[in-house]
């Protein structure tokens, strides 16, 4: 059984089914934070939400699917939070740094919760893994943000032949930041914010250097390395023969 999907949000008022699903998810997130992921059962979630256990399983096939609902919610909130920075900035470094800061801001209330279930998400066979098929929707939403980061960075020339692979590589760098954030114990996760700023600066310089044709194969090789060895990664490497040559 998979988690029930009530369909895309078309702007209409939420149905009773959507409200029930949201209630179960909100209840689960609260209990995960209060009791810990491992100690929270679907029965406890159903009881706290005031629904039957069968009803809880109707919407979410298990705790793992509740975490997928959490991933999707974070991704949706991030899409909204980055609008201001992406509408205003045209510099790649500023756009990327703003996107990473926005994610850290949104995730801040869930830090201890993330630490608790990280050992499950780190298991490559777990549906909680960011590379799992179950995480596909949230993963693609995050990659789409980075695609928009690049598309709107008009002050930086992004080689056309790298446009298909760079968003995925930027998402991978964000996953590195997430991993660091999970273990960050500094006040207000200050070191994570510093890493976001410096990472954005380094990435922007790397993309700028990619205008030199001699360096582009290196970027493609890095992407190919990840697509070959990480589950869930797409092989989006374009065929150079299909691209117009650049001067």
C-alpha atoms as a PDB file:
ATOM      1  CA  UNK A   1       0.000   0.000   0.000  1.00  0.00           C
ATOM      2  CA  UNK A   2       1.252   3.491  -0.751  1.00  0.00           C
ATOM      3  CA  UNK A   3       0.439   6.801   0.853  1.00  0.00           C
ATOM      4  CA  UNK A   4      -2.789   8.260  -0.442  1.00  0.00           C
ATOM      5  CA  UNK A   5      -2.415  11.225  -2.766  1.00  0.00           C
ATOM      6  CA  UNK A   6      -5.401  13.557  -2.791  1.00  0.00           C
ATOM      7  CA  UNK A   7      -4.275  15.167  -6.031  1.00  0.00           C
ATOM      8  CA  UNK A   8      -2.793  18.560  -6.853  1.00  0.00           C
ATOM      9  CA  UNK A   9      -3.856  21.673  -5.048  1.00  0.00           C
ATOM     10  CA  UNK A  10      -6.051  23.640  -7.461  1.00  0.00           C
ATOM     11  CA  UNK A  11      -6.700  26.493  -5.052  1.00  0.00           C
ATOM     12  CA  UNK A  12     -10.050  25.107  -3.864  1.00  0.00           C
ATOM     13  CA  UNK A  13     -10.908  24.744  -0.189  1.00  0.00           C
ATOM     14  CA  UNK A  14      -9.459  21.535   1.269  1.00  0.00           C
ATOM     15  CA  UNK A  15     -11.800  18.572   1.296  1.00  0.00           C
ATOM     16  CA  UNK A  16     -12.539  16.582   4.437  1.00  0.00           C
ATOM     17  CA  UNK A  17     -10.165  13.915   3.144  1.00  0.00           C
ATOM     18  CA  UNK A  18      -7.367  16.468   2.696  1.00  0.00           C
ATOM     19  CA  UNK A  19      -8.032  17.899   6.157  1.00  0.00           C
ATOM     20  CA  UNK A  20      -7.838  14.439   7.718  1.00  0.00           C
ATOM     21  CA  UNK A  21      -4.601  13.685   5.912  1.00  0.00           C
ATOM     22  CA  UNK A  22      -3.090  17.008   7.066  1.00  0.00           C
ATOM     23  CA  UNK A  23      -4.241  16.350  10.650  1.00  0.00           C
ATOM     24  CA  UNK A  24      -2.555  12.947  10.707  1.00  0.00           C
ATOM     25  CA  UNK A  25       0.645  14.408   9.297  1.00  0.00           C
ATOM     26  CA  UNK A  26       0.711  17.332  11.767  1.00  0.00           C
ATOM     27  CA  UNK A  27       0.037  14.976  14.662  1.00  0.00           C
ATOM     28  CA  UNK A  28       2.810  12.644  13.575  1.00  0.00           C
ATOM     29  CA  UNK A  29       5.324  15.473  13.265  1.00  0.00           C
ATOM     30  CA  UNK A  30       4.485  16.656  16.782  1.00  0.00           C
ATOM     31  CA  UNK A  31       4.772  13.186  18.285  1.00  0.00           C
ATOM     32  CA  UNK A  32       8.005  12.485  16.433  1.00  0.00           C
ATOM     33  CA  UNK A  33       9.459  15.622  17.987  1.00  0.00           C
ATOM     34  CA  UNK A  34       8.073  14.914  21.465  1.00  0.00           C
ATOM     35  CA  UNK A  35       8.682  11.163  21.717  1.00  0.00           C
ATOM     36  CA  UNK A  36      11.182  10.415  18.996  1.00  0.00           C
ATOM     37  CA  UNK A  37      10.688   8.699  15.654  1.00  0.00           C
ATOM     38  CA  UNK A  38      11.396   5.143  16.847  1.00  0.00           C
ATOM     39  CA  UNK A  39       9.121   5.371  19.889  1.00  0.00           C
ATOM     40  CA  UNK A  40       6.122   6.742  18.009  1.00  0.00           C
ATOM     41  CA  UNK A  41       3.729   4.164  16.600  1.00  0.00           C
ATOM     42  CA  UNK A  42       0.999   4.506  14.003  1.00  0.00           C
ATOM     43  CA  UNK A  43      -1.482   3.501  16.709  1.00  0.00           C
ATOM     44  CA  UNK A  44      -0.327   6.378  18.918  1.00  0.00           C
ATOM     45  CA  UNK A  45      -0.566   8.803  16.004  1.00  0.00           C
ATOM     46  CA  UNK A  46      -4.090   7.661  15.170  1.00  0.00           C
ATOM     47  CA  UNK A  47      -5.215   7.937  18.804  1.00  0.00           C
ATOM     48  CA  UNK A  48      -3.748  11.433  19.197  1.00  0.00           C
ATOM     49  CA  UNK A  49      -5.318  12.578  15.910  1.00  0.00           C
ATOM     50  CA  UNK A  50      -8.703  11.142  16.869  1.00  0.00           C
ATOM     51  CA  UNK A  51      -8.962   8.747  13.921  1.00  0.00           C
ATOM     52  CA  UNK A  52      -9.025   4.994  13.660  1.00  0.00           C
ATOM     53  CA  UNK A  53      -5.814   3.072  13.056  1.00  0.00           C
ATOM     54  CA  UNK A  54      -7.287   1.823   9.780  1.00  0.00           C
ATOM     55  CA  UNK A  55      -7.985   5.406   8.718  1.00  0.00           C
ATOM     56  CA  UNK A  56      -4.403   6.419   9.510  1.00  0.00           C
ATOM     57  CA  UNK A  57      -3.093   3.546   7.387  1.00  0.00           C
ATOM     58  CA  UNK A  58      -5.491   4.528   4.592  1.00  0.00           C
ATOM     59  CA  UNK A  59      -3.680   7.832   4.172  1.00  0.00           C
ATOM     60  CA  UNK A  60      -0.168   6.719   5.122  1.00  0.00           C
ATOM     61  CA  UNK A  61       1.027   3.138   4.716  1.00  0.00           C
ATOM     62  CA  UNK A  62       3.438   3.542   7.628  1.00  0.00           C
ATOM     63  CA  UNK A  63       5.732   5.916   9.480  1.00  0.00           C
ATOM     64  CA  UNK A  64       8.062   6.059   6.487  1.00  0.00           C
ATOM     65  CA  UNK A  65       5.269   7.493   4.355  1.00  0.00           C
ATOM     66  CA  UNK A  66       4.578  10.105   6.998  1.00  0.00           C
ATOM     67  CA  UNK A  67       8.180  11.225   6.637  1.00  0.00           C
ATOM     68  CA  UNK A  68       7.627  11.416   2.886  1.00  0.00           C
ATOM     69  CA  UNK A  69       4.723  13.750   3.644  1.00  0.00           C
ATOM     70  CA  UNK A  70       7.133  15.807   5.733  1.00  0.00           C
ATOM     71  CA  UNK A  71       9.659  15.896   2.875  1.00  0.00           C
ATOM     72  CA  UNK A  72       6.949  17.065   0.485  1.00  0.00           C
ATOM     73  CA  UNK A  73       5.795  19.772   2.878  1.00  0.00           C
ATOM     74  CA  UNK A  74       9.336  21.098   3.378  1.00  0.00           C
ATOM     75  CA  UNK A  75       9.844  21.109  -0.399  1.00  0.00           C
ATOM     76  CA  UNK A  76       6.588  23.029  -0.926  1.00  0.00           C
ATOM     77  CA  UNK A  77       7.433  25.574   1.778  1.00  0.00           C
ATOM     78  CA  UNK A  78      10.874  26.031   0.271  1.00  0.00           C
ATOM     79  CA  UNK A  79       9.371  26.712  -3.149  1.00  0.00           C
ATOM     80  CA  UNK A  80       7.385  29.583  -1.603  1.00  0.00           C
ATOM     81  CA  UNK A  81      10.229  30.900   0.580  1.00  0.00           C
ATOM     82  CA  UNK A  82      12.675  31.309  -2.322  1.00  0.00           C
ATOM     83  CA  UNK A  83      10.341  33.409  -4.440  1.00  0.00           C
ATOM     84  CA  UNK A  84      11.490  36.764  -3.081  1.00  0.00           C
ATOM     85  CA  UNK A  85      15.203  36.093  -3.568  1.00  0.00           C
ATOM     86  CA  UNK A  86      14.761  34.559  -7.025  1.00  0.00           C
ATOM     87  CA  UNK A  87      12.523  37.409  -8.198  1.00  0.00           C
ATOM     88  CA  UNK A  88      15.010  40.019  -7.000  1.00  0.00           C
ATOM     89  CA  UNK A  89      18.519  38.681  -7.567  1.00  0.00           C
ATOM     90  CA  UNK A  90      20.177  37.951 -10.908  1.00  0.00           C
ATOM     91  CA  UNK A  91      23.636  37.070  -9.554  1.00  0.00           C
ATOM     92  CA  UNK A  92      24.210  33.304  -9.294  1.00  0.00           C
ATOM     93  CA  UNK A  93      26.010  33.425  -5.954  1.00  0.00           C
ATOM     94  CA  UNK A  94      23.298  35.581  -4.372  1.00  0.00           C
ATOM     95  CA  UNK A  95      20.528  33.367  -5.762  1.00  0.00           C
ATOM     96  CA  UNK A  96      22.107  30.135  -4.580  1.00  0.00           C
ATOM     97  CA  UNK A  97      23.061  31.490  -1.156  1.00  0.00           C
ATOM     98  CA  UNK A  98      19.519  32.783  -0.697  1.00  0.00           C
ATOM     99  CA  UNK A  99      18.011  29.432  -1.633  1.00  0.00           C
ATOM    100  CA  UNK A 100      20.255  27.561   0.803  1.00  0.00           C
ATOM    101  CA  UNK A 101      19.591  30.039   3.618  1.00  0.00           C
ATOM    102  CA  UNK A 102      15.858  29.704   3.007  1.00  0.00           C
ATOM    103  CA  UNK A 103      16.089  25.933   3.418  1.00  0.00           C
ATOM    104  CA  UNK A 104      17.998  26.287   6.686  1.00  0.00           C
ATOM    105  CA  UNK A 105      15.393  28.766   7.956  1.00  0.00           C
ATOM    106  CA  UNK A 106      12.496  26.438   7.129  1.00  0.00           C
ATOM    107  CA  UNK A 107      14.185  23.350   8.559  1.00  0.00           C
ATOM    108  CA  UNK A 108      15.300  25.020  11.806  1.00  0.00           C
ATOM    109  CA  UNK A 109      12.311  23.879  13.939  1.00  0.00           C
ATOM    110  CA  UNK A 110      12.881  20.263  12.887  1.00  0.00           C
ATOM    111  CA  UNK A 111      16.584  19.927  13.692  1.00  0.00           C
ATOM    112  CA  UNK A 112      16.300  17.543  16.644  1.00  0.00           C
ATOM    113  CA  UNK A 113      13.650  15.558  14.817  1.00  0.00           C
ATOM    114  CA  UNK A 114      15.952  15.208  11.799  1.00  0.00           C
ATOM    115  CA  UNK A 115      18.747  13.949  14.031  1.00  0.00           C
ATOM    116  CA  UNK A 116      16.424  11.249  15.387  1.00  0.00           C
ATOM    117  CA  UNK A 117      15.404   9.720  12.074  1.00  0.00           C
ATOM    118  CA  UNK A 118      18.689  10.314  10.244  1.00  0.00           C
ATOM    119  CA  UNK A 119      19.915   6.796  11.019  1.00  0.00           C
ATOM    120  CA  UNK A 120      16.887   5.498   9.118  1.00  0.00           C
ATOM    121  CA  UNK A 121      17.325   7.931   6.227  1.00  0.00           C
ATOM    122  CA  UNK A 122      21.011   7.026   5.974  1.00  0.00           C
ATOM    123  CA  UNK A 123      20.107   3.418   5.183  1.00  0.00           C
ATOM    124  CA  UNK A 124      20.307   3.146   1.356  1.00  0.00           C
ATOM    125  CA  UNK A 125      17.478   0.586   1.413  1.00  0.00           C
ATOM    126  CA  UNK A 126      15.184   2.824   3.457  1.00  0.00           C
ATOM    127  CA  UNK A 127      12.322   4.679   1.767  1.00  0.00           C
ATOM    128  CA  UNK A 128      13.438   7.643   3.890  1.00  0.00           C
ATOM    129  CA  UNK A 129      16.645   7.950   1.877  1.00  0.00           C
ATOM    130  CA  UNK A 130      16.678  11.120  -0.252  1.00  0.00           C
ATOM    131  CA  UNK A 131      17.694   8.868  -3.171  1.00  0.00           C
ATOM    132  CA  UNK A 132      14.837   6.375  -2.767  1.00  0.00           C
ATOM    133  CA  UNK A 133      11.981   6.011  -5.279  1.00  0.00           C
ATOM    134  CA  UNK A 134       9.610   7.097  -2.506  1.00  0.00           C
ATOM    135  CA  UNK A 135      11.481  10.410  -2.229  1.00  0.00           C
ATOM    136  CA  UNK A 136      11.232  11.116  -5.957  1.00  0.00           C
ATOM    137  CA  UNK A 137       8.618  13.865  -5.708  1.00  0.00           C
ATOM    138  CA  UNK A 138      10.428  15.897  -3.041  1.00  0.00           C
ATOM    139  CA  UNK A 139      13.747  15.331  -4.818  1.00  0.00           C
ATOM    140  CA  UNK A 140      12.443  16.615  -8.145  1.00  0.00           C
ATOM    141  CA  UNK A 141      10.841  19.620  -6.456  1.00  0.00           C
ATOM    142  CA  UNK A 142      14.196  20.520  -4.910  1.00  0.00           C
ATOM    143  CA  UNK A 143      16.041  20.033  -8.201  1.00  0.00           C
ATOM    144  CA  UNK A 144      13.503  22.281  -9.940  1.00  0.00           C
ATOM    145  CA  UNK A 145      14.420  25.092  -7.523  1.00  0.00           C
ATOM    146  CA  UNK A 146      18.065  24.795  -8.516  1.00  0.00           C
ATOM    147  CA  UNK A 147      17.102  24.739 -12.184  1.00  0.00           C
ATOM    148  CA  UNK A 148      15.342  28.053 -11.620  1.00  0.00           C
ATOM    149  CA  UNK A 149      18.404  29.361  -9.750  1.00  0.00           C
ATOM    150  CA  UNK A 150      20.480  28.780 -12.878  1.00  0.00           C
ATOM    151  CA  UNK A 151      17.867  29.929 -15.397  1.00  0.00           C
ATOM    152  CA  UNK A 152      17.474  33.314 -13.713  1.00  0.00           C
ATOM    153  CA  UNK A 153      21.169  33.950 -13.109  1.00  0.00           C
ATOM    154  CA  UNK A 154      21.477  36.291 -16.069  1.00  0.00           C
ATOM    155  CA  UNK A 155      24.738  37.795 -14.804  1.00  0.00           C
ATOM    156  CA  UNK A 156      26.460  34.425 -15.174  1.00  0.00           C
ATOM    157  CA  UNK A 157      26.857  32.640 -18.471  1.00  0.00           C
ATOM    158  CA  UNK A 158      25.884  28.998 -17.962  1.00  0.00           C
ATOM    159  CA  UNK A 159      27.110  26.791 -20.828  1.00  0.00           C
ATOM    160  CA  UNK A 160      24.084  25.390 -22.612  1.00  0.00           C
ATOM    161  CA  UNK A 161      25.466  21.857 -22.673  1.00  0.00           C
ATOM    162  CA  UNK A 162      25.652  21.821 -18.844  1.00  0.00           C
ATOM    163  CA  UNK A 163      22.179  23.181 -18.111  1.00  0.00           C
ATOM    164  CA  UNK A 164      20.663  19.714 -17.827  1.00  0.00           C
ATOM    165  CA  UNK A 165      23.145  18.355 -15.307  1.00  0.00           C
ATOM    166  CA  UNK A 166      23.987  21.354 -13.115  1.00  0.00           C
ATOM    167  CA  UNK A 167      20.627  21.497 -11.240  1.00  0.00           C
ATOM    168  CA  UNK A 168      21.133  17.934 -10.049  1.00  0.00           C
ATOM    169  CA  UNK A 169      24.694  18.668  -8.982  1.00  0.00           C
ATOM    170  CA  UNK A 170      23.497  21.743  -7.081  1.00  0.00           C
ATOM    171  CA  UNK A 171      20.920  19.579  -5.316  1.00  0.00           C
ATOM    172  CA  UNK A 172      23.663  17.131  -4.365  1.00  0.00           C
ATOM    173  CA  UNK A 173      25.668  19.977  -2.861  1.00  0.00           C
ATOM    174  CA  UNK A 174      22.535  20.950  -0.905  1.00  0.00           C
ATOM    175  CA  UNK A 175      22.345  17.369   0.410  1.00  0.00           C
ATOM    176  CA  UNK A 176      25.897  17.819   1.655  1.00  0.00           C
ATOM    177  CA  UNK A 177      24.779  20.947   3.494  1.00  0.00           C
ATOM    178  CA  UNK A 178      21.818  19.045   4.973  1.00  0.00           C
ATOM    179  CA  UNK A 179      24.133  16.341   6.284  1.00  0.00           C
ATOM    180  CA  UNK A 180      26.388  18.962   7.871  1.00  0.00           C
ATOM    181  CA  UNK A 181      23.347  20.723   9.360  1.00  0.00           C
ATOM    182  CA  UNK A 182      22.156  17.505  11.011  1.00  0.00           C
ATOM    183  CA  UNK A 183      25.414  17.270  12.973  1.00  0.00           C
ATOM    184  CA  UNK A 184      25.816  21.018  13.552  1.00  0.00           C
ATOM    185  CA  UNK A 185      25.602  21.853  17.251  1.00  0.00           C
ATOM    186  CA  UNK A 186      26.546  25.533  17.023  1.00  0.00           C
ATOM    187  CA  UNK A 187      24.144  28.184  18.287  1.00  0.00           C
ATOM    188  CA  UNK A 188      21.458  28.799  15.678  1.00  0.00           C
ATOM    189  CA  UNK A 189      23.333  26.380  13.360  1.00  0.00           C
ATOM    190  CA  UNK A 190      25.663  29.309  12.616  1.00  0.00           C
ATOM    191  CA  UNK A 191      28.289  27.120  10.962  1.00  0.00           C
ATOM    192  CA  UNK A 192      25.708  25.701   8.563  1.00  0.00           C
ATOM    193  CA  UNK A 193      24.793  29.206   7.415  1.00  0.00           C
ATOM    194  CA  UNK A 194      28.469  29.991   6.908  1.00  0.00           C
ATOM    195  CA  UNK A 195      28.883  26.794   4.908  1.00  0.00           C
ATOM    196  CA  UNK A 196      25.908  27.793   2.739  1.00  0.00           C
ATOM    197  CA  UNK A 197      27.469  31.177   1.986  1.00  0.00           C
ATOM    198  CA  UNK A 198      30.905  29.803   1.194  1.00  0.00           C
ATOM    199  CA  UNK A 199      29.495  26.900  -0.782  1.00  0.00           C
ATOM    200  CA  UNK A 200      27.423  29.286  -2.907  1.00  0.00           C
ATOM    201  CA  UNK A 201      30.508  31.398  -3.575  1.00  0.00           C
ATOM    202  CA  UNK A 202      32.589  28.388  -4.601  1.00  0.00           C
ATOM    203  CA  UNK A 203      29.803  26.986  -6.798  1.00  0.00           C
ATOM    204  CA  UNK A 204      29.273  30.307  -8.568  1.00  0.00           C
ATOM    205  CA  UNK A 205      32.979  30.528  -9.336  1.00  0.00           C
ATOM    206  CA  UNK A 206      32.977  26.963 -10.629  1.00  0.00           C
ATOM    207  CA  UNK A 207      30.040  27.627 -12.939  1.00  0.00           C
ATOM    208  CA  UNK A 208      31.706  30.802 -14.194  1.00  0.00           C
ATOM    209  CA  UNK A 209      34.873  28.872 -14.978  1.00  0.00           C
ATOM    210  CA  UNK A 210      32.837  26.311 -16.901  1.00  0.00           C
ATOM    211  CA  UNK A 211      32.589  28.860 -19.698  1.00  0.00           C
ATOM    212  CA  UNK A 212      36.028  27.598 -20.650  1.00  0.00           C
ATOM    213  CA  UNK A 213      35.402  24.593 -22.836  1.00  0.00           C
ATOM    214  CA  UNK A 214      38.403  22.696 -21.477  1.00  0.00           C
ATOM    215  CA  UNK A 215      36.762  22.475 -18.020  1.00  0.00           C
ATOM    216  CA  UNK A 216      33.313  21.286 -19.126  1.00  0.00           C
ATOM    217  CA  UNK A 217      34.251  17.605 -19.415  1.00  0.00           C
ATOM    218  CA  UNK A 218      35.241  17.699 -15.732  1.00  0.00           C
ATOM    219  CA  UNK A 219      31.748  18.872 -14.730  1.00  0.00           C
ATOM    220  CA  UNK A 220      30.189  16.157 -16.866  1.00  0.00           C
ATOM    221  CA  UNK A 221      32.494  13.535 -15.366  1.00  0.00           C
ATOM    222  CA  UNK A 222      31.501  14.560 -11.819  1.00  0.00           C
ATOM    223  CA  UNK A 223      27.839  14.217 -12.743  1.00  0.00           C
ATOM    224  CA  UNK A 224      28.440  10.855 -14.401  1.00  0.00           C
ATOM    225  CA  UNK A 225      30.222   9.669 -11.263  1.00  0.00           C
ATOM    226  CA  UNK A 226      27.154  10.421  -9.155  1.00  0.00           C
ATOM    227  CA  UNK A 227      24.662   8.967 -11.621  1.00  0.00           C
ATOM    228  CA  UNK A 228      26.667   5.756 -11.812  1.00  0.00           C
ATOM    229  CA  UNK A 229      27.098   5.244  -8.084  1.00  0.00           C
ATOM    230  CA  UNK A 230      24.143   6.879  -6.321  1.00  0.00           C
ATOM    231  CA  UNK A 231      20.693   5.235  -6.457  1.00  0.00           C
ATOM    232  CA  UNK A 232      17.864   7.446  -7.624  1.00  0.00           C
ATOM    233  CA  UNK A 233      20.040   9.771  -9.680  1.00  0.00           C
ATOM    234  CA  UNK A 234      18.953  10.330 -13.257  1.00  0.00           C
ATOM    235  CA  UNK A 235      21.283  10.143 -16.200  1.00  0.00           C
ATOM    236  CA  UNK A 236      20.597  13.595 -17.576  1.00  0.00           C
ATOM    237  CA  UNK A 237      23.901  13.948 -19.392  1.00  0.00           C
ATOM    238  CA  UNK A 238      23.016  15.403 -22.777  1.00  0.00           C
ATOM    239  CA  UNK A 239      24.480  14.104 -25.969  1.00  0.00           C
ATOM    240  CA  UNK A 240      27.082  16.677 -27.078  1.00  0.00           C
ATOM    241  CA  UNK A 241      26.293  15.842 -30.684  1.00  0.00           C
ATOM    242  CA  UNK A 242      22.757  17.096 -30.116  1.00  0.00           C
ATOM    243  CA  UNK A 243      23.950  20.491 -28.891  1.00  0.00           C
ATOM    244  CA  UNK A 244      24.909  23.367 -31.164  1.00  0.00           C
ATOM    245  CA  UNK A 245      28.604  24.156 -30.965  1.00  0.00           C
ATOM    246  CA  UNK A 246      29.587  27.338 -29.161  1.00  0.00           C
ATOM    247  CA  UNK A 247      32.300  29.719 -30.269  1.00  0.00           C
END
